[in-house]
mmCIF file of all heavy atoms, coordinates in Angstrom:
data_MODEL
# 
_entry.id   MODEL 
# 
loop_
_atom_site.group_PDB 
_atom_site.id 
_atom_site.type_symbol 
_atom_site.label_atom_id 
_atom_site.label_alt_id 
_atom_site.label_comp_id 
_atom_site.label_asym_id 
_atom_site.label_entity_id 
_atom_site.label_seq_id 
_atom_site.pdbx_PDB_ins_code 
_atom_site.Cartn_x 
_atom_site.Cartn_y 
_atom_site.Cartn_z 
_atom_site.occupancy 
_atom_site.B_iso_or_equiv 
_atom_site.pdbx_formal_charge 
_atom_site.auth_seq_id 
_atom_site.auth_comp_id 
_atom_site.auth_asym_id 
_atom_site.auth_atom_id 
_atom_site.pdbx_PDB_model_num 
ATOM 1   N N   . SER A 1 1  ? -71.942 -119.192 -17.434 1.00 0.00 ? 1  SER A N   1 
ATOM 2   C CA  . SER A 1 1  ? -71.016 -118.507 -16.539 1.00 0.00 ? 1  SER A CA  1 
ATOM 3   C C   . SER A 1 1  ? -71.641 -117.261 -15.903 1.00 0.00 ? 1  SER A C   1 
ATOM 4   O O   . SER A 1 1  ? -71.343 -116.936 -14.757 1.00 0.00 ? 1  SER A O   1 
ATOM 5   C CB  . SER A 1 1  ? -69.715 -118.153 -17.251 1.00 0.00 ? 1  SER A CB  1 
ATOM 6   O OG  . SER A 1 1  ? -69.973 -117.290 -18.340 1.00 0.00 ? 1  SER A OG  1 
ATOM 7   N N   . ASP A 1 2  ? -72.532 -116.581 -16.618 1.00 0.00 ? 2  ASP A N   1 
ATOM 8   C CA  . ASP A 1 2  ? -73.203 -115.416 -16.019 1.00 0.00 ? 2  ASP A CA  1 
ATOM 9   C C   . ASP A 1 2  ? -74.089 -115.833 -14.857 1.00 0.00 ? 2  ASP A C   1 
ATOM 10  O O   . ASP A 1 2  ? -74.123 -115.164 -13.824 1.00 0.00 ? 2  ASP A O   1 
ATOM 11  C CB  . ASP A 1 2  ? -74.041 -114.664 -17.060 1.00 0.00 ? 2  ASP A CB  1 
ATOM 12  C CG  . ASP A 1 2  ? -73.181 -113.896 -18.063 1.00 0.00 ? 2  ASP A CG  1 
ATOM 13  O OD1 . ASP A 1 2  ? -72.010 -113.598 -17.736 1.00 0.00 ? 2  ASP A OD1 1 
ATOM 14  O OD2 . ASP A 1 2  ? -73.694 -113.607 -19.160 1.00 0.00 ? 2  ASP A OD2 1 
ATOM 15  N N   . GLU A 1 3  ? -74.809 -116.954 -15.009 1.00 0.00 ? 3  GLU A N   1 
ATOM 16  C CA  . GLU A 1 3  ? -75.652 -117.455 -13.918 1.00 0.00 ? 3  GLU A CA  1 
ATOM 17  C C   . GLU A 1 3  ? -74.794 -117.873 -12.729 1.00 0.00 ? 3  GLU A C   1 
ATOM 18  O O   . GLU A 1 3  ? -75.153 -117.610 -11.587 1.00 0.00 ? 3  GLU A O   1 
ATOM 19  C CB  . GLU A 1 3  ? -76.510 -118.622 -14.393 1.00 0.00 ? 3  GLU A CB  1 
ATOM 20  C CG  . GLU A 1 3  ? -77.620 -118.209 -15.335 1.00 0.00 ? 3  GLU A CG  1 
ATOM 21  C CD  . GLU A 1 3  ? -78.355 -119.399 -15.907 1.00 0.00 ? 3  GLU A CD  1 
ATOM 22  O OE1 . GLU A 1 3  ? -77.691 -120.380 -16.324 1.00 0.00 ? 3  GLU A OE1 1 
ATOM 23  O OE2 . GLU A 1 3  ? -79.598 -119.339 -15.947 1.00 0.00 ? 3  GLU A OE2 1 
ATOM 24  N N   . ILE A 1 4  ? -73.674 -118.524 -12.993 1.00 0.00 ? 4  ILE A N   1 
ATOM 25  C CA  . ILE A 1 4  ? -72.762 -118.936 -11.919 1.00 0.00 ? 4  ILE A CA  1 
ATOM 26  C C   . ILE A 1 4  ? -72.241 -117.701 -11.190 1.00 0.00 ? 4  ILE A C   1 
ATOM 27  O O   . ILE A 1 4  ? -72.210 -117.666 -9.953  1.00 0.00 ? 4  ILE A O   1 
ATOM 28  C CB  . ILE A 1 4  ? -71.601 -119.787 -12.460 1.00 0.00 ? 4  ILE A CB  1 
ATOM 29  C CG1 . ILE A 1 4  ? -72.135 -121.137 -12.945 1.00 0.00 ? 4  ILE A CG1 1 
ATOM 30  C CG2 . ILE A 1 4  ? -70.523 -119.980 -11.388 1.00 0.00 ? 4  ILE A CG2 1 
ATOM 31  C CD1 . ILE A 1 4  ? -71.117 -121.964 -13.716 1.00 0.00 ? 4  ILE A CD1 1 
ATOM 32  N N   . ASN A 1 5  ? -71.842 -116.674 -11.931 1.00 0.00 ? 5  ASN A N   1 
ATOM 33  C CA  . ASN A 1 5  ? -71.357 -115.440 -11.300 1.00 0.00 ? 5  ASN A CA  1 
ATOM 34  C C   . ASN A 1 5  ? -72.433 -114.792 -10.452 1.00 0.00 ? 5  ASN A C   1 
ATOM 35  O O   . ASN A 1 5  ? -72.152 -114.279 -9.356  1.00 0.00 ? 5  ASN A O   1 
ATOM 36  C CB  . ASN A 1 5  ? -70.846 -114.460 -12.355 1.00 0.00 ? 5  ASN A CB  1 
ATOM 37  C CG  . ASN A 1 5  ? -69.526 -114.890 -12.947 1.00 0.00 ? 5  ASN A CG  1 
ATOM 38  O OD1 . ASN A 1 5  ? -68.775 -115.649 -12.344 1.00 0.00 ? 5  ASN A OD1 1 
ATOM 39  N ND2 . ASN A 1 5  ? -69.242 -114.432 -14.150 1.00 0.00 ? 5  ASN A ND2 1 
ATOM 40  N N   . ASP A 1 6  ? -73.690 -114.784 -10.921 1.00 0.00 ? 6  ASP A N   1 
ATOM 41  C CA  . ASP A 1 6  ? -74.793 -114.222 -10.134 1.00 0.00 ? 6  ASP A CA  1 
ATOM 42  C C   . ASP A 1 6  ? -74.998 -115.002 -8.848  1.00 0.00 ? 6  ASP A C   1 
ATOM 43  O O   . ASP A 1 6  ? -75.186 -114.414 -7.774  1.00 0.00 ? 6  ASP A O   1 
ATOM 44  C CB  . ASP A 1 6  ? -76.094 -114.220 -10.944 1.00 0.00 ? 6  ASP A CB  1 
ATOM 45  C CG  . ASP A 1 6  ? -76.094 -113.208 -12.077 1.00 0.00 ? 6  ASP A CG  1 
ATOM 46  O OD1 . ASP A 1 6  ? -75.216 -112.311 -12.095 1.00 0.00 ? 6  ASP A OD1 1 
ATOM 47  O OD2 . ASP A 1 6  ? -76.973 -113.317 -12.949 1.00 0.00 ? 6  ASP A OD2 1 
ATOM 48  N N   . VAL A 1 7  ? -74.962 -116.322 -8.935  1.00 0.00 ? 7  VAL A N   1 
ATOM 49  C CA  . VAL A 1 7  ? -75.112 -117.170 -7.752  1.00 0.00 ? 7  VAL A CA  1 
ATOM 50  C C   . VAL A 1 7  ? -73.991 -116.875 -6.761  1.00 0.00 ? 7  VAL A C   1 
ATOM 51  O O   . VAL A 1 7  ? -74.230 -116.661 -5.564  1.00 0.00 ? 7  VAL A O   1 
ATOM 52  C CB  . VAL A 1 7  ? -75.121 -118.671 -8.144  1.00 0.00 ? 7  VAL A CB  1 
ATOM 53  C CG1 . VAL A 1 7  ? -74.930 -119.561 -6.924  1.00 0.00 ? 7  VAL A CG1 1 
ATOM 54  C CG2 . VAL A 1 7  ? -76.404 -119.020 -8.877  1.00 0.00 ? 7  VAL A CG2 1 
ATOM 55  N N   . ARG A 1 8  ? -72.757 -116.867 -7.242  1.00 0.00 ? 8  ARG A N   1 
ATOM 56  C CA  . ARG A 1 8  ? -71.615 -116.626 -6.357  1.00 0.00 ? 8  ARG A CA  1 
ATOM 57  C C   . ARG A 1 8  ? -71.701 -115.238 -5.720  1.00 0.00 ? 8  ARG A C   1 
ATOM 58  O O   . ARG A 1 8  ? -71.427 -115.079 -4.533  1.00 0.00 ? 8  ARG A O   1 
ATOM 59  C CB  . ARG A 1 8  ? -70.301 -116.809 -7.129  1.00 0.00 ? 8  ARG A CB  1 
ATOM 60  C CG  . ARG A 1 8  ? -70.053 -118.279 -7.480  1.00 0.00 ? 8  ARG A CG  1 
ATOM 61  C CD  . ARG A 1 8  ? -68.801 -118.467 -8.308  1.00 0.00 ? 8  ARG A CD  1 
ATOM 62  N NE  . ARG A 1 8  ? -67.606 -117.950 -7.656  1.00 0.00 ? 8  ARG A NE  1 
ATOM 63  C CZ  . ARG A 1 8  ? -66.902 -118.599 -6.739  1.00 0.00 ? 8  ARG A CZ  1 
ATOM 64  N NH1 . ARG A 1 8  ? -67.254 -119.801 -6.350  1.00 0.00 ? 8  ARG A NH1 1 
ATOM 65  N NH2 . ARG A 1 8  ? -65.816 -118.051 -6.214  1.00 0.00 ? 8  ARG A NH2 1 
ATOM 66  N N   . THR A 1 9  ? -72.105 -114.233 -6.493  1.00 0.00 ? 9  THR A N   1 
ATOM 67  C CA  . THR A 1 9  ? -72.252 -112.882 -5.954  1.00 0.00 ? 9  THR A CA  1 
ATOM 68  C C   . THR A 1 9  ? -73.303 -112.849 -4.852  1.00 0.00 ? 9  THR A C   1 
ATOM 69  O O   . THR A 1 9  ? -73.087 -112.242 -3.792  1.00 0.00 ? 9  THR A O   1 
ATOM 70  C CB  . THR A 1 9  ? -72.615 -111.888 -7.078  1.00 0.00 ? 9  THR A CB  1 
ATOM 71  O OG1 . THR A 1 9  ? -71.536 -111.856 -8.015  1.00 0.00 ? 9  THR A OG1 1 
ATOM 72  C CG2 . THR A 1 9  ? -72.872 -110.495 -6.535  1.00 0.00 ? 9  THR A CG2 1 
ATOM 73  N N   . ASN A 1 10 ? -74.437 -113.499 -5.063  1.00 0.00 ? 10 ASN A N   1 
ATOM 74  C CA  . ASN A 1 10 ? -75.486 -113.531 -4.044  1.00 0.00 ? 10 ASN A CA  1 
ATOM 75  C C   . ASN A 1 10 ? -75.028 -114.242 -2.779  1.00 0.00 ? 10 ASN A C   1 
ATOM 76  O O   . ASN A 1 10 ? -75.326 -113.795 -1.661  1.00 0.00 ? 10 ASN A O   1 
ATOM 77  C CB  . ASN A 1 10 ? -76.756 -114.195 -4.599  1.00 0.00 ? 10 ASN A CB  1 
ATOM 78  C CG  . ASN A 1 10 ? -77.436 -113.344 -5.632  1.00 0.00 ? 10 ASN A CG  1 
ATOM 79  O OD1 . ASN A 1 10 ? -77.252 -112.132 -5.687  1.00 0.00 ? 10 ASN A OD1 1 
ATOM 80  N ND2 . ASN A 1 10 ? -78.222 -113.978 -6.474  1.00 0.00 ? 10 ASN A ND2 1 
ATOM 81  N N   . ILE A 1 11 ? -74.306 -115.328 -2.930  1.00 0.00 ? 11 ILE A N   1 
ATOM 82  C CA  . ILE A 1 11 ? -73.780 -116.041 -1.763  1.00 0.00 ? 11 ILE A CA  1 
ATOM 83  C C   . ILE A 1 11 ? -72.786 -115.160 -1.020  1.00 0.00 ? 11 ILE A C   1 
ATOM 84  O O   . ILE A 1 11 ? -72.847 -115.037 0.210   1.00 0.00 ? 11 ILE A O   1 
ATOM 85  C CB  . ILE A 1 11 ? -73.147 -117.389 -2.181  1.00 0.00 ? 11 ILE A CB  1 
ATOM 86  C CG1 . ILE A 1 11 ? -74.236 -118.347 -2.684  1.00 0.00 ? 11 ILE A CG1 1 
ATOM 87  C CG2 . ILE A 1 11 ? -72.366 -118.000 -1.023  1.00 0.00 ? 11 ILE A CG2 1 
ATOM 88  C CD1 . ILE A 1 11 ? -73.710 -119.593 -3.376  1.00 0.00 ? 11 ILE A CD1 1 
ATOM 89  N N   . ILE A 1 12 ? -71.884 -114.533 -1.736  1.00 0.00 ? 12 ILE A N   1 
ATOM 90  C CA  . ILE A 1 12 ? -70.893 -113.650 -1.117  1.00 0.00 ? 12 ILE A CA  1 
ATOM 91  C C   . ILE A 1 12 ? -71.579 -112.521 -0.354  1.00 0.00 ? 12 ILE A C   1 
ATOM 92  O O   . ILE A 1 12 ? -71.239 -112.239 0.801   1.00 0.00 ? 12 ILE A O   1 
ATOM 93  C CB  . ILE A 1 12 ? -69.916 -113.088 -2.177  1.00 0.00 ? 12 ILE A CB  1 
ATOM 94  C CG1 . ILE A 1 12 ? -68.988 -114.203 -2.665  1.00 0.00 ? 12 ILE A CG1 1 
ATOM 95  C CG2 . ILE A 1 12 ? -69.122 -111.906 -1.635  1.00 0.00 ? 12 ILE A CG2 1 
ATOM 96  C CD1 . ILE A 1 12 ? -68.177 -113.847 -3.895  1.00 0.00 ? 12 ILE A CD1 1 
ATOM 97  N N   . GLU A 1 13 ? -72.553 -111.868 -0.970  1.00 0.00 ? 13 GLU A N   1 
ATOM 98  C CA  . GLU A 1 13 ? -73.249 -110.765 -0.306  1.00 0.00 ? 13 GLU A CA  1 
ATOM 99  C C   . GLU A 1 13 ? -73.973 -111.233 0.950   1.00 0.00 ? 13 GLU A C   1 
ATOM 100 O O   . GLU A 1 13 ? -73.976 -110.540 1.969   1.00 0.00 ? 13 GLU A O   1 
ATOM 101 C CB  . GLU A 1 13 ? -74.212 -110.099 -1.282  1.00 0.00 ? 13 GLU A CB  1 
ATOM 102 C CG  . GLU A 1 13 ? -73.484 -109.300 -2.345  1.00 0.00 ? 13 GLU A CG  1 
ATOM 103 C CD  . GLU A 1 13 ? -74.394 -108.759 -3.444  1.00 0.00 ? 13 GLU A CD  1 
ATOM 104 O OE1 . GLU A 1 13 ? -75.604 -109.064 -3.444  1.00 0.00 ? 13 GLU A OE1 1 
ATOM 105 O OE2 . GLU A 1 13 ? -73.873 -108.026 -4.308  1.00 0.00 ? 13 GLU A OE2 1 
ATOM 106 N N   . THR A 1 14 ? -74.552 -112.420 0.906   1.00 0.00 ? 14 THR A N   1 
ATOM 107 C CA  . THR A 1 14 ? -75.232 -112.963 2.082   1.00 0.00 ? 14 THR A CA  1 
ATOM 108 C C   . THR A 1 14 ? -74.240 -113.247 3.199   1.00 0.00 ? 14 THR A C   1 
ATOM 109 O O   . THR A 1 14 ? -74.487 -112.905 4.363   1.00 0.00 ? 14 THR A O   1 
ATOM 110 C CB  . THR A 1 14 ? -76.013 -114.237 1.698   1.00 0.00 ? 14 THR A CB  1 
ATOM 111 O OG1 . THR A 1 14 ? -76.994 -113.895 0.718   1.00 0.00 ? 14 THR A OG1 1 
ATOM 112 C CG2 . THR A 1 14 ? -76.688 -114.858 2.906   1.00 0.00 ? 14 THR A CG2 1 
ATOM 113 N N   . VAL A 1 15 ? -73.119 -113.855 2.869   1.00 0.00 ? 15 VAL A N   1 
ATOM 114 C CA  . VAL A 1 15 ? -72.096 -114.151 3.882   1.00 0.00 ? 15 VAL A CA  1 
ATOM 115 C C   . VAL A 1 15 ? -71.554 -112.854 4.494   1.00 0.00 ? 15 VAL A C   1 
ATOM 116 O O   . VAL A 1 15 ? -71.379 -112.759 5.715   1.00 0.00 ? 15 VAL A O   1 
ATOM 117 C CB  . VAL A 1 15 ? -70.965 -115.013 3.284   1.00 0.00 ? 15 VAL A CB  1 
ATOM 118 C CG1 . VAL A 1 15 ? -69.779 -115.124 4.234   1.00 0.00 ? 15 VAL A CG1 1 
ATOM 119 C CG2 . VAL A 1 15 ? -71.491 -116.400 2.920   1.00 0.00 ? 15 VAL A CG2 1 
ATOM 120 N N   . LEU A 1 16 ? -71.325 -111.844 3.669   1.00 0.00 ? 16 LEU A N   1 
ATOM 121 C CA  . LEU A 1 16 ? -70.830 -110.565 4.203   1.00 0.00 ? 16 LEU A CA  1 
ATOM 122 C C   . LEU A 1 16 ? -71.855 -109.899 5.111   1.00 0.00 ? 16 LEU A C   1 
ATOM 123 O O   . LEU A 1 16 ? -71.495 -109.336 6.150   1.00 0.00 ? 16 LEU A O   1 
ATOM 124 C CB  . LEU A 1 16 ? -70.438 -109.637 3.053   1.00 0.00 ? 16 LEU A CB  1 
ATOM 125 C CG  . LEU A 1 16 ? -69.218 -110.080 2.244   1.00 0.00 ? 16 LEU A CG  1 
ATOM 126 C CD1 . LEU A 1 16 ? -68.983 -109.131 1.083   1.00 0.00 ? 16 LEU A CD1 1 
ATOM 127 C CD2 . LEU A 1 16 ? -67.978 -110.198 3.112   1.00 0.00 ? 16 LEU A CD2 1 
ATOM 128 N N   . ARG A 1 17 ? -73.124 -109.980 4.758   1.00 0.00 ? 17 ARG A N   1 
ATOM 129 C CA  . ARG A 1 17 ? -74.172 -109.415 5.618   1.00 0.00 ? 17 ARG A CA  1 
ATOM 130 C C   . ARG A 1 17 ? -74.252 -110.174 6.942   1.00 0.00 ? 17 ARG A C   1 
ATOM 131 O O   . ARG A 1 17 ? -74.451 -109.571 7.996   1.00 0.00 ? 17 ARG A O   1 
ATOM 132 C CB  . ARG A 1 17 ? -75.516 -109.428 4.903   1.00 0.00 ? 17 ARG A CB  1 
ATOM 133 C CG  . ARG A 1 17 ? -75.569 -108.377 3.789   1.00 0.00 ? 17 ARG A CG  1 
ATOM 134 C CD  . ARG A 1 17 ? -76.885 -108.391 3.041   1.00 0.00 ? 17 ARG A CD  1 
ATOM 135 N NE  . ARG A 1 17 ? -78.013 -108.150 3.944   1.00 0.00 ? 17 ARG A NE  1 
ATOM 136 C CZ  . ARG A 1 17 ? -79.245 -108.568 3.701   1.00 0.00 ? 17 ARG A CZ  1 
ATOM 137 N NH1 . ARG A 1 17 ? -79.525 -109.241 2.602   1.00 0.00 ? 17 ARG A NH1 1 
ATOM 138 N NH2 . ARG A 1 17 ? -80.214 -108.299 4.557   1.00 0.00 ? 17 ARG A NH2 1 
ATOM 139 N N   . LEU A 1 18 ? -74.073 -111.489 6.889   1.00 0.00 ? 18 LEU A N   1 
ATOM 140 C CA  . LEU A 1 18 ? -74.053 -112.266 8.133   1.00 0.00 ? 18 LEU A CA  1 
ATOM 141 C C   . LEU A 1 18 ? -72.857 -111.878 8.991   1.00 0.00 ? 18 LEU A C   1 
ATOM 142 O O   . LEU A 1 18 ? -72.974 -111.754 10.212  1.00 0.00 ? 18 LEU A O   1 
ATOM 143 C CB  . LEU A 1 18 ? -74.025 -113.766 7.828   1.00 0.00 ? 18 LEU A CB  1 
ATOM 144 C CG  . LEU A 1 18 ? -75.351 -114.357 7.389   1.00 0.00 ? 18 LEU A CG  1 
ATOM 145 C CD1 . LEU A 1 18 ? -75.149 -115.766 6.840   1.00 0.00 ? 18 LEU A CD1 1 
ATOM 146 C CD2 . LEU A 1 18 ? -76.344 -114.370 8.544   1.00 0.00 ? 18 LEU A CD2 1 
ATOM 147 N N   . TYR A 1 19 ? -71.715 -111.695 8.363   1.00 0.00 ? 19 TYR A N   1 
ATOM 148 C CA  . TYR A 1 19 ? -70.538 -111.255 9.110   1.00 0.00 ? 19 TYR A CA  1 
ATOM 149 C C   . TYR A 1 19 ? -70.846 -109.935 9.826   1.00 0.00 ? 19 TYR A C   1 
ATOM 150 O O   . TYR A 1 19 ? -70.559 -109.786 11.011  1.00 0.00 ? 19 TYR A O   1 
ATOM 151 C CB  . TYR A 1 19 ? -69.318 -111.094 8.197   1.00 0.00 ? 19 TYR A CB  1 
ATOM 152 C CG  . TYR A 1 19 ? -68.131 -110.579 8.959   1.00 0.00 ? 19 TYR A CG  1 
ATOM 153 C CD1 . TYR A 1 19 ? -67.238 -111.455 9.544   1.00 0.00 ? 19 TYR A CD1 1 
ATOM 154 C CD2 . TYR A 1 19 ? -67.926 -109.212 9.141   1.00 0.00 ? 19 TYR A CD2 1 
ATOM 155 C CE1 . TYR A 1 19 ? -66.163 -110.994 10.289  1.00 0.00 ? 19 TYR A CE1 1 
ATOM 156 C CE2 . TYR A 1 19 ? -66.861 -108.736 9.883   1.00 0.00 ? 19 TYR A CE2 1 
ATOM 157 C CZ  . TYR A 1 19 ? -65.986 -109.634 10.455  1.00 0.00 ? 19 TYR A CZ  1 
ATOM 158 O OH  . TYR A 1 19 ? -64.929 -109.160 11.204  1.00 0.00 ? 19 TYR A OH  1 
ATOM 159 N N   . GLN A 1 20 ? -71.424 -108.984 9.110   1.00 0.00 ? 20 GLN A N   1 
ATOM 160 C CA  . GLN A 1 20 ? -71.760 -107.688 9.710   1.00 0.00 ? 20 GLN A CA  1 
ATOM 161 C C   . GLN A 1 20 ? -72.720 -107.860 10.881  1.00 0.00 ? 20 GLN A C   1 
ATOM 162 O O   . GLN A 1 20 ? -72.556 -107.226 11.922  1.00 0.00 ? 20 GLN A O   1 
ATOM 163 C CB  . GLN A 1 20 ? -72.366 -106.758 8.666   1.00 0.00 ? 20 GLN A CB  1 
ATOM 164 C CG  . GLN A 1 20 ? -71.387 -106.333 7.601   1.00 0.00 ? 20 GLN A CG  1 
ATOM 165 C CD  . GLN A 1 20 ? -72.046 -105.644 6.415   1.00 0.00 ? 20 GLN A CD  1 
ATOM 166 O OE1 . GLN A 1 20 ? -73.246 -105.742 6.214   1.00 0.00 ? 20 GLN A OE1 1 
ATOM 167 N NE2 . GLN A 1 20 ? -71.239 -104.953 5.615   1.00 0.00 ? 20 GLN A NE2 1 
ATOM 168 N N   . LYS A 1 21 ? -73.720 -108.718 10.715  1.00 0.00 ? 21 LYS A N   1 
ATOM 169 C CA  . LYS A 1 21 ? -74.695 -108.950 11.780  1.00 0.00 ? 21 LYS A CA  1 
ATOM 170 C C   . LYS A 1 21 ? -74.024 -109.527 13.019  1.00 0.00 ? 21 LYS A C   1 
ATOM 171 O O   . LYS A 1 21 ? -74.204 -109.016 14.123  1.00 0.00 ? 21 LYS A O   1 
ATOM 172 C CB  . LYS A 1 21 ? -75.793 -109.903 11.287  1.00 0.00 ? 21 LYS A CB  1 
ATOM 173 C CG  . LYS A 1 21 ? -76.789 -110.275 12.359  1.00 0.00 ? 21 LYS A CG  1 
ATOM 174 C CD  . LYS A 1 21 ? -77.826 -111.254 11.841  1.00 0.00 ? 21 LYS A CD  1 
ATOM 175 C CE  . LYS A 1 21 ? -78.758 -111.654 12.971  1.00 0.00 ? 21 LYS A CE  1 
ATOM 176 N NZ  . LYS A 1 21 ? -79.867 -112.459 12.495  1.00 0.00 ? 21 LYS A NZ  1 
ATOM 177 N N   . PHE A 1 22 ? -73.260 -110.590 12.866  1.00 0.00 ? 22 PHE A N   1 
ATOM 178 C CA  . PHE A 1 22 ? -72.633 -111.235 14.013  1.00 0.00 ? 22 PHE A CA  1 
ATOM 179 C C   . PHE A 1 22 ? -71.518 -110.375 14.603  1.00 0.00 ? 22 PHE A C   1 
ATOM 180 O O   . PHE A 1 22 ? -71.333 -110.340 15.820  1.00 0.00 ? 22 PHE A O   1 
ATOM 181 C CB  . PHE A 1 22 ? -72.099 -112.621 13.644  1.00 0.00 ? 22 PHE A CB  1 
ATOM 182 C CG  . PHE A 1 22 ? -73.193 -113.611 13.354  1.00 0.00 ? 22 PHE A CG  1 
ATOM 183 C CD1 . PHE A 1 22 ? -73.253 -114.256 12.131  1.00 0.00 ? 22 PHE A CD1 1 
ATOM 184 C CD2 . PHE A 1 22 ? -74.167 -113.895 14.289  1.00 0.00 ? 22 PHE A CD2 1 
ATOM 185 C CE1 . PHE A 1 22 ? -74.256 -115.162 11.853  1.00 0.00 ? 22 PHE A CE1 1 
ATOM 186 C CE2 . PHE A 1 22 ? -75.185 -114.799 14.029  1.00 0.00 ? 22 PHE A CE2 1 
ATOM 187 C CZ  . PHE A 1 22 ? -75.226 -115.435 12.800  1.00 0.00 ? 22 PHE A CZ  1 
ATOM 188 N N   . ASN A 1 23 ? -70.799 -109.661 13.771  1.00 0.00 ? 23 ASN A N   1 
ATOM 189 C CA  . ASN A 1 23 ? -69.748 -108.779 14.272  1.00 0.00 ? 23 ASN A CA  1 
ATOM 190 C C   . ASN A 1 23 ? -70.349 -107.637 15.085  1.00 0.00 ? 23 ASN A C   1 
ATOM 191 O O   . ASN A 1 23 ? -69.801 -107.245 16.110  1.00 0.00 ? 23 ASN A O   1 
ATOM 192 C CB  . ASN A 1 23 ? -68.909 -108.243 13.116  1.00 0.00 ? 23 ASN A CB  1 
ATOM 193 C CG  . ASN A 1 23 ? -67.655 -107.567 13.578  1.00 0.00 ? 23 ASN A CG  1 
ATOM 194 O OD1 . ASN A 1 23 ? -66.889 -108.135 14.359  1.00 0.00 ? 23 ASN A OD1 1 
ATOM 195 N ND2 . ASN A 1 23 ? -67.424 -106.354 13.107  1.00 0.00 ? 23 ASN A ND2 1 
ATOM 196 N N   . GLY A 1 24 ? -71.495 -107.139 14.640  1.00 0.00 ? 24 GLY A N   1 
ATOM 197 C CA  . GLY A 1 24 ? -72.179 -106.086 15.384  1.00 0.00 ? 24 GLY A CA  1 
ATOM 198 C C   . GLY A 1 24 ? -72.614 -106.543 16.763  1.00 0.00 ? 24 GLY A C   1 
ATOM 199 O O   . GLY A 1 24 ? -72.585 -105.773 17.725  1.00 0.00 ? 24 GLY A O   1 
# 
């Protein structure tokens, strides 16, 4: 579950950074 949480966190952070890039 810790590995799954790390994976999900990394995916979430990447998606949020993409949102910021495209929104900008």
